[in-house]
Amino acid sequence: MSHAHVKAAAGLEGLQPLVGKWHTEGRQHASPFGPAAAFVAVETCEWLHGGQFLIHRMEGHFDRQAAACVEVLGKGADGRLFAQSFYQDGRRNEWLVEADRQVVKISGTWAQGAGEPLRVRYTATFEDAGNTLVAQWEQSRDGQDWQLFIESRATKAQPLPDSSIGV
């Protein structure tokens, strides 16, 4: 069900540029998250009716390894933006989110088995009048020394023209 006409509730307007279908390509660099691999995905973002939550779905591959997640983004009782992510392997994660219609930032920690969790941050910038999203994921053990582990570029699918065929 598409809710393309639904707009963001107050305080969530910075997430509005994410709404739509995105074709994403990129590269994962060798890191604690896995080996170097090409990354391709289709991502969709749409508002849940009422505009209080943005639903993000991603399905893709790192080389031949399937990858998928569903995320719910919204505003907490403290007024801060958050994301709750659910992954195909059964894991889930919570993130802090900042968004201002030009840049989206996500940060949090990622558990690495029995070891210390890694700090992770994502920065995405809108280009080409909002039709391109250039992003990078970085990880750090200490919060000081950051290493790039995924870089990507997403292109927003454009709606078909509103015209009749054969008229």
Foldseek 3Di string as FASTA:
>chain_A
DAPLVDAADPLCNLCVLQAAKKWKWWWFDDDLVHHIFIKTWIKHWGADPPRAWIWIWIWIDRHNHTWIKIKIWGADPVRWIKIWIAIPVGDIDIWTWDGDNFKIKIWDWADNPPDDTKTKMKIWGADDNSQKIWMWMWIHPPVPDIDTGMTMMMGGDDDDDPDDPPD
